[in-house]
Amino acid sequence: MELALRTLGLPDPPTNVQAENGPQAGTLLVSWTPVTNQPKPPSRAAVHSYLIYADGKNIAQVPSATADHVLLRLADLSDDPPIFITVRTGTREGAVSCDSNVARVPRGPSFGAISDGLLQTAPLLDMAQSYPTGHYAAPLSGPKTAPYPAPPMLTSMP
């Protein structure tokens, strides 16, 4: 008896990944060009979500095939800010693409606040909850609570 197995195609990774200081102090905006060459059914390689990695560690997941960015709180990225960000695509079945291009995390005033201890730890957002169209926020540690409030504005120390 011969068993024929279908190969599980992997989705392509997103392209043009960029990391920049976010719109509020203490945030990092990661953006990318979503995958547009979706396979046709019954392929199991269709994009279901985007997974964000900091220095090779998975730090967030955006549950949308059409998402093109995520806003991260720097306080949630650990005491040692990451140097590189990559994004991968994920399928409903759990298959994950290879890494996207590498985006270098900017260094600047937003990152100085972490070492000064000015940022507070934010609760983990349940990524399965609904979000306003086109905007995704992804805190990364703490107890699961939702909804996640916008990061507080930071004041500089004298």
Protein backbone atom coordinates (compact mmCIF):
# COMPACT_ATOMS: atom_id res chain seq x y z
CA MET A 1 0.00 0.00 0.00
CA GLU A 2 1.41 3.33 -1.03
CA LEU A 3 0.46 6.50 0.80
CA ALA A 4 0.39 9.75 -1.15
CA LEU A 5 0.86 12.91 0.85
CA ARG A 6 0.05 16.38 -0.38
CA THR A 7 2.82 18.84 0.12
CA LEU A 8 1.97 21.79 2.29
CA GLY A 9 3.02 24.91 0.48
CA LEU A 10 4.45 27.70 2.57
CA PRO A 11 3.28 31.27 2.13
CA ASP A 12 5.67 33.94 0.92
CA PRO A 13 7.00 36.34 3.55
CA PRO A 14 5.90 39.98 3.46
CA THR A 15 8.20 42.47 1.74
CA ASN A 16 9.50 45.98 2.44
CA VAL A 17 9.53 45.52 6.23
CA GLN A 18 10.43 48.76 8.03
CA ALA A 19 10.76 49.71 11.71
CA GLU A 20 10.51 53.31 12.91
CA ASN A 21 9.68 55.24 16.04
CA GLY A 22 5.94 55.17 16.57
CA PRO A 23 3.52 58.10 16.71
CA GLN A 24 3.62 58.19 20.52
CA ALA A 25 6.72 58.25 22.68
CA GLY A 26 7.69 54.75 23.71
CA THR A 27 6.25 53.00 20.65
CA LEU A 28 7.70 51.26 17.61
CA LEU A 29 5.85 51.15 14.29
CA VAL A 30 6.61 48.07 12.17
CA SER A 31 5.19 48.16 8.64
CA TRP A 32 5.34 45.85 5.62
CA THR A 33 3.81 45.14 2.23
CA PRO A 34 1.29 42.31 2.69
CA VAL A 35 1.49 39.14 0.63
CA THR A 36 -0.75 39.51 -2.42
CA ASN A 37 -0.09 36.27 -4.31
CA GLN A 38 -2.51 34.13 -2.32
CA PRO A 39 -2.84 30.53 -3.54
CA LYS A 40 -6.24 29.29 -4.62
CA PRO A 41 -8.17 26.68 -2.61
CA PRO A 42 -7.67 23.92 -1.68
CA SER A 43 -4.13 25.14 -0.95
CA ARG A 44 -3.33 25.31 2.73
CA ALA A 45 -0.70 28.00 2.22
CA ALA A 46 -3.09 30.95 2.30
CA VAL A 47 -1.95 33.76 4.61
CA HIS A 48 -3.91 33.95 7.85
CA SER A 49 -1.74 36.21 10.04
CA TYR A 50 1.59 37.99 10.37
CA LEU A 51 4.11 37.09 13.06
CA ILE A 52 6.58 39.73 14.23
CA TYR A 53 10.03 38.69 15.44
CA ALA A 54 12.58 40.76 17.38
CA ASP A 55 16.11 39.39 17.17
CA GLY A 56 14.67 35.99 16.18
CA LYS A 57 12.10 35.79 19.02
CA ASN A 58 8.37 35.85 18.21
CA ILE A 59 6.95 38.90 20.00
CA ALA A 60 3.53 39.49 18.40
CA GLN A 61 0.97 38.13 15.97
CA VAL A 62 -1.42 40.19 13.84
CA PRO A 63 -4.51 38.10 12.95
CA SER A 64 -5.24 39.50 9.49
CA ALA A 65 -4.18 38.50 5.98
CA THR A 66 -4.35 42.12 4.81
CA ALA A 67 -2.60 43.84 7.74
CA ASP A 68 0.31 46.08 6.81
CA HIS A 69 1.58 47.33 10.19
CA VAL A 70 1.63 46.85 13.95
CA LEU A 71 2.29 49.33 16.76
CA LEU A 72 4.42 47.90 19.58
CA ARG A 73 5.11 49.31 23.05
CA LEU A 74 8.84 49.48 23.68
CA ALA A 75 8.31 48.59 27.34
CA ASP A 76 7.05 45.19 26.20
CA LEU A 77 10.19 44.39 24.23
CA SER A 78 12.27 43.59 27.36
CA ASP A 79 14.96 45.49 29.20
CA ASP A 80 17.30 45.06 26.24
CA PRO A 81 15.75 46.74 23.16
CA PRO A 82 15.90 44.60 20.00
CA ILE A 83 18.25 45.39 17.14
CA PHE A 84 16.47 43.66 14.26
CA ILE A 85 12.82 43.06 13.31
CA THR A 86 11.55 40.50 10.80
CA VAL A 87 8.00 39.50 9.87
CA ARG A 88 6.71 36.10 8.75
CA THR A 89 3.35 35.03 7.38
CA GLY A 90 1.37 32.28 9.06
CA THR A 91 -1.37 29.98 7.79
CA ARG A 92 -4.49 28.79 9.60
CA GLU A 93 -2.84 25.35 9.86
CA GLY A 94 0.22 26.77 11.58
CA ALA A 95 2.72 26.76 8.72
CA VAL A 96 5.08 29.75 8.81
CA SER A 97 7.02 31.40 5.98
CA CYS A 98 10.70 32.16 6.05
CA ASP A 99 11.85 35.55 7.41
CA SER A 100 11.13 38.78 5.58
CA ASN A 101 13.88 41.26 4.92
CA VAL A 102 15.54 42.46 8.12
CA ALA A 103 14.59 45.91 9.44
CA ARG A 104 16.97 47.59 11.86
CA VAL A 105 15.25 49.07 14.92
CA PRO A 106 15.96 52.82 15.15
CA ARG A 107 17.84 54.18 18.13
CA GLY A 108 16.77 57.51 19.52
CA PRO A 109 14.84 59.31 22.25
CA SER A 110 12.10 56.68 22.34
CA PHE A 111 14.61 53.98 23.22
CA GLY A 112 16.43 56.11 25.80
CA ALA A 113 13.24 56.12 27.86
CA ILE A 114 13.50 52.37 28.39
CA SER A 115 16.90 52.53 30.03
CA ASP A 116 15.76 55.44 32.20
CA GLY A 117 12.93 53.28 33.54
CA LEU A 118 10.19 55.69 32.48
CA LEU A 119 7.95 53.17 30.76
CA GLN A 120 5.43 51.01 32.57
CA THR A 121 4.73 47.40 31.71
CA ALA A 122 1.55 47.01 29.68
CA PRO A 123 -0.88 44.09 29.86
CA LEU A 124 -0.91 41.51 27.07
CA LEU A 125 -3.57 42.12 24.45
CA ASP A 126 -5.56 39.10 23.40
CA MET A 127 -4.79 39.26 19.66
CA ALA A 128 -8.03 37.41 18.86
CA GLN A 129 -10.05 40.49 19.86
CA SER A 130 -11.39 42.95 17.29
CA TYR A 131 -9.42 46.00 16.25
CA PRO A 132 -10.33 49.17 14.40
CA THR A 133 -9.83 48.58 10.68
CA GLY A 134 -6.24 49.02 9.56
CA HIS A 135 -4.64 49.47 13.02
CA TYR A 136 -3.13 46.80 15.21
CA ALA A 137 -1.55 47.25 18.64
CA ALA A 138 0.43 44.43 20.17
CA PRO A 139 1.64 44.59 23.75
CA LEU A 140 3.70 41.58 24.62
CA SER A 141 3.75 40.72 28.32
CA GLY A 142 1.65 40.61 31.45
CA PRO A 143 -1.79 39.17 32.14
CA LYS A 144 -4.26 38.86 29.26
CA THR A 145 -6.68 41.76 29.24
CA ALA A 146 -8.56 43.65 26.55
CA PRO A 147 -9.08 46.20 25.24
CA TYR A 148 -5.62 47.69 25.29
CA PRO A 149 -5.46 51.47 25.91
CA ALA A 150 -3.16 53.71 23.91
CA PRO A 151 0.32 54.11 25.44
CA PRO A 152 0.58 57.03 27.88
CA MET A 153 2.59 60.06 26.86
CA LEU A 154 5.94 60.19 28.64
CA THR A 155 7.42 63.24 30.27
CA SER A 156 11.13 63.79 30.24
CA MET A 157 13.08 63.76 33.47
CA PRO A 158 14.82 67.02 34.53
